């Protein structure tokens, strides 16, 4: 059974290992999520430009894997991917091997981001294409205007908390804003 979780990869030592187009695709995703301190391990010279100073031009050794909390593997042969996944698991490092569910401790959903609003779409790894299509559909329902809405409602909540408002009062006022401005249909 999978349980949706949100990891702040800006606070967890994270590495990406592999090569080729799969690694570059995963790197684009991680850079889009602004993963700070990402180390990229790849002997593939084709990734050097995208990786920049984060590149270590080889695959990680056991100590480097053990120093991580999250390891992404993409674009390696199955036996090498399995080896890195086993090392990671041996050190209690969460691992995701691109398109190889049995080697994954977690999978990465399709993400629609509007400021601090993140909508994750997952098929449990069963159909990344369906997840991508659902993300595109939801992008039309939640346009960029939601970025400002989320910031506004978060600031309102912060101010109310500073004045000692109860959680129930904050929820009531938040519901009123959502309803009065027609952000969502009433339940």
Protein backbone atom coordinates (compact mmCIF):
# COMPACT_ATOMS: atom_id res chain seq x y z
CA UNK A 1 0.00 0.00 0.00
CA UNK A 2 1.28 3.46 -0.83
CA UNK A 3 0.65 6.49 1.33
CA UNK A 4 1.10 9.96 -0.16
CA UNK A 5 3.82 11.93 1.65
CA UNK A 6 5.58 15.18 0.90
CA UNK A 7 9.33 15.26 1.47
CA UNK A 8 11.18 18.55 1.70
CA UNK A 9 14.21 17.64 -0.38
CA UNK A 10 15.73 20.97 0.54
CA UNK A 11 16.38 19.59 4.02
CA UNK A 12 17.39 16.04 3.12
CA UNK A 13 20.74 15.17 1.52
CA UNK A 14 19.68 14.01 -1.94
CA UNK A 15 21.60 12.42 -4.81
CA UNK A 16 20.85 11.52 -8.40
CA UNK A 17 22.84 8.75 -10.09
CA UNK A 18 22.79 7.43 -13.64
CA UNK A 19 23.04 8.78 -17.12
CA UNK A 20 21.44 9.67 -20.41
CA UNK A 21 18.00 11.03 -21.13
CA UNK A 22 16.38 9.38 -18.06
CA UNK A 23 18.81 11.14 -15.72
CA UNK A 24 18.31 14.47 -17.50
CA UNK A 25 14.53 14.08 -17.26
CA UNK A 26 14.76 13.40 -13.51
CA UNK A 27 17.21 16.30 -13.10
CA UNK A 28 14.77 18.65 -14.81
CA UNK A 29 12.06 17.56 -12.38
CA UNK A 30 14.28 17.96 -9.31
CA UNK A 31 15.56 21.35 -10.47
CA UNK A 32 11.96 22.44 -11.07
CA UNK A 33 11.21 21.55 -7.46
CA UNK A 34 14.28 23.54 -6.41
CA UNK A 35 16.04 20.70 -4.62
CA UNK A 36 18.95 22.37 -2.86
CA UNK A 37 22.29 20.65 -2.40
CA UNK A 38 21.57 17.97 -4.99
CA UNK A 39 24.63 15.88 -5.88
CA UNK A 40 24.65 14.31 -9.33
CA UNK A 41 26.74 11.22 -9.97
CA UNK A 42 27.21 10.27 -13.60
CA UNK A 43 30.06 9.09 -15.80
CA UNK A 44 28.00 10.28 -18.80
CA UNK A 45 29.63 13.41 -20.31
CA UNK A 46 26.27 14.35 -21.87
CA UNK A 47 24.94 15.40 -18.45
CA UNK A 48 27.85 17.69 -17.57
CA UNK A 49 26.28 20.91 -18.84
CA UNK A 50 22.93 20.37 -17.09
CA UNK A 51 24.58 19.19 -13.85
CA UNK A 52 27.17 21.96 -13.68
CA UNK A 53 29.26 22.10 -10.52
CA UNK A 54 26.99 19.53 -8.84
CA UNK A 55 28.42 16.76 -11.05
CA UNK A 56 30.65 14.02 -9.72
CA UNK A 57 31.80 12.29 -12.95
CA UNK A 58 31.28 8.71 -11.72
CA UNK A 59 28.67 6.69 -9.88
CA UNK A 60 28.50 7.10 -6.10
CA UNK A 61 30.38 4.81 -3.77
CA UNK A 62 28.84 3.23 -0.68
CA UNK A 63 29.91 6.02 1.68
CA UNK A 64 28.39 8.68 -0.59
CA UNK A 65 25.13 6.76 -0.78
CA UNK A 66 25.11 6.27 2.99
CA UNK A 67 25.50 10.05 3.45
CA UNK A 68 22.22 10.61 1.57
CA UNK A 69 18.67 10.31 2.81
CA UNK A 70 17.18 10.10 -0.70
CA UNK A 71 18.70 8.55 -3.83
CA UNK A 72 17.24 8.76 -7.33
CA UNK A 73 18.60 6.34 -9.95
CA UNK A 74 17.87 6.78 -13.65
CA UNK A 75 19.34 5.56 -16.92
CA UNK A 76 21.47 2.69 -15.66
CA UNK A 77 21.40 -0.99 -16.65
CA UNK A 78 19.09 -3.08 -14.42
CA UNK A 79 21.92 -4.87 -12.59
CA UNK A 80 23.70 -1.61 -11.72
CA UNK A 81 20.41 0.01 -10.64
CA UNK A 82 19.67 -2.98 -8.40
CA UNK A 83 23.15 -2.75 -6.87
CA UNK A 84 22.77 0.94 -6.00
CA UNK A 85 19.26 0.34 -4.64
CA UNK A 86 20.52 -2.48 -2.40
CA UNK A 87 23.32 -0.30 -1.03
CA UNK A 88 20.85 2.52 -0.37
CA UNK A 89 18.38 0.26 1.40
CA UNK A 90 21.21 -1.23 3.46
CA UNK A 91 21.87 2.27 4.80
CA UNK A 92 18.18 3.17 5.22
CA UNK A 93 18.33 5.63 2.34
CA UNK A 94 15.05 6.05 0.46
CA UNK A 95 15.56 5.03 -3.16
CA UNK A 96 13.67 5.57 -6.39
CA UNK A 97 14.80 3.71 -9.51
CA UNK A 98 13.21 5.14 -12.64
CA UNK A 99 10.54 2.82 -14.06
CA UNK A 100 11.47 -0.13 -11.81
CA UNK A 101 8.80 -0.33 -9.09
CA UNK A 102 10.29 -3.33 -7.22
CA UNK A 103 13.44 -1.28 -6.56
CA UNK A 104 11.55 1.79 -5.34
CA UNK A 105 10.79 2.77 -1.77
CA UNK A 106 8.70 5.62 -3.16
CA UNK A 107 7.53 6.98 -6.48
CA UNK A 108 7.29 10.55 -7.67
CA UNK A 109 3.82 11.77 -8.61
CA UNK A 110 3.05 14.23 -11.36
CA UNK A 111 2.97 17.61 -9.62
CA UNK A 112 0.96 20.70 -10.42
CA UNK A 113 2.41 23.64 -8.51
CA UNK A 114 0.81 27.01 -8.01
CA UNK A 115 3.02 28.80 -5.49
CA UNK A 116 2.72 26.86 -2.24
CA UNK A 117 -0.20 24.83 -3.60
CA UNK A 118 1.05 21.45 -4.77
CA UNK A 119 -1.38 18.97 -6.28
CA UNK A 120 0.11 15.51 -6.64
CA UNK A 121 -1.31 13.02 -9.11
CA UNK A 122 -0.31 9.41 -8.75
CA UNK A 123 -1.27 6.08 -10.27
CA UNK A 124 1.11 4.24 -7.94
CA UNK A 125 3.57 4.02 -10.81
CA UNK A 126 1.03 2.16 -12.91
CA UNK A 127 0.63 4.79 -15.62
CA UNK A 128 2.86 7.87 -15.72
CA UNK A 129 1.08 8.88 -18.94
CA UNK A 130 -2.30 9.01 -17.19
CA UNK A 131 -0.74 11.02 -14.33
CA UNK A 132 0.71 13.48 -16.84
CA UNK A 133 -2.64 13.85 -18.63
CA UNK A 134 -4.50 14.39 -15.36
CA UNK A 135 -1.94 17.03 -14.40
CA UNK A 136 -2.61 18.89 -17.66
CA UNK A 137 -6.37 18.68 -17.04
CA UNK A 138 -6.03 20.01 -13.49
CA UNK A 139 -3.76 22.84 -14.72
CA UNK A 140 -6.77 24.23 -16.55
CA UNK A 141 -8.94 24.00 -13.41
CA UNK A 142 -6.25 25.62 -11.25
CA UNK A 143 -4.69 28.43 -13.31
CA UNK A 144 -1.77 30.61 -12.19
CA UNK A 145 -4.20 32.86 -10.27
CA UNK A 146 -4.07 30.24 -7.52
CA UNK A 147 -0.51 31.31 -6.69
CA UNK A 148 -1.78 34.67 -5.43
CA UNK A 149 -4.82 33.09 -3.77
CA UNK A 150 -2.66 30.74 -1.73
CA UNK A 151 -0.29 33.54 -0.70
CA UNK A 152 -3.21 35.75 0.28
CA UNK A 153 -4.99 33.10 2.34
CA UNK A 154 -1.72 32.07 4.04
CA UNK A 155 -1.03 35.69 5.03
CA UNK A 156 -4.60 36.07 6.33
CA UNK A 157 -4.16 32.89 8.39
CA UNK A 158 -0.82 34.10 9.76
CA UNK A 159 -2.31 37.42 10.82
CA UNK A 160 -5.30 35.76 12.45
CA UNK A 161 -3.04 33.40 14.39
CA UNK A 162 -1.00 36.39 15.64
CA UNK A 163 -4.17 37.97 17.02
CA UNK A 164 -5.08 34.75 18.84
CA UNK A 165 -7.87 33.53 16.56
CA UNK A 166 -8.87 29.92 17.12
CA UNK A 167 -8.44 27.26 14.46
CA UNK A 168 -12.23 27.12 14.13
CA UNK A 169 -12.42 30.89 13.51
CA UNK A 170 -9.61 30.74 10.94
CA UNK A 171 -11.40 27.90 9.15
CA UNK A 172 -14.71 29.83 9.15
CA UNK A 173 -13.09 32.97 7.68
CA UNK A 174 -11.13 30.91 5.14
CA UNK A 175 -14.32 29.14 4.02
CA UNK A 176 -16.05 32.52 3.69
CA UNK A 177 -13.27 33.92 1.46
CA UNK A 178 -13.33 30.78 -0.72
CA UNK A 179 -17.12 30.94 -1.04
CA UNK A 180 -17.46 34.73 -1.44
CA UNK A 181 -14.83 34.82 -4.17
CA UNK A 182 -16.09 31.66 -5.90
CA UNK A 183 -12.78 29.80 -5.84
CA UNK A 184 -14.42 26.39 -5.46
CA UNK A 185 -17.94 24.99 -5.52
CA UNK A 186 -19.54 24.76 -2.09
CA UNK A 187 -19.45 21.25 -0.62
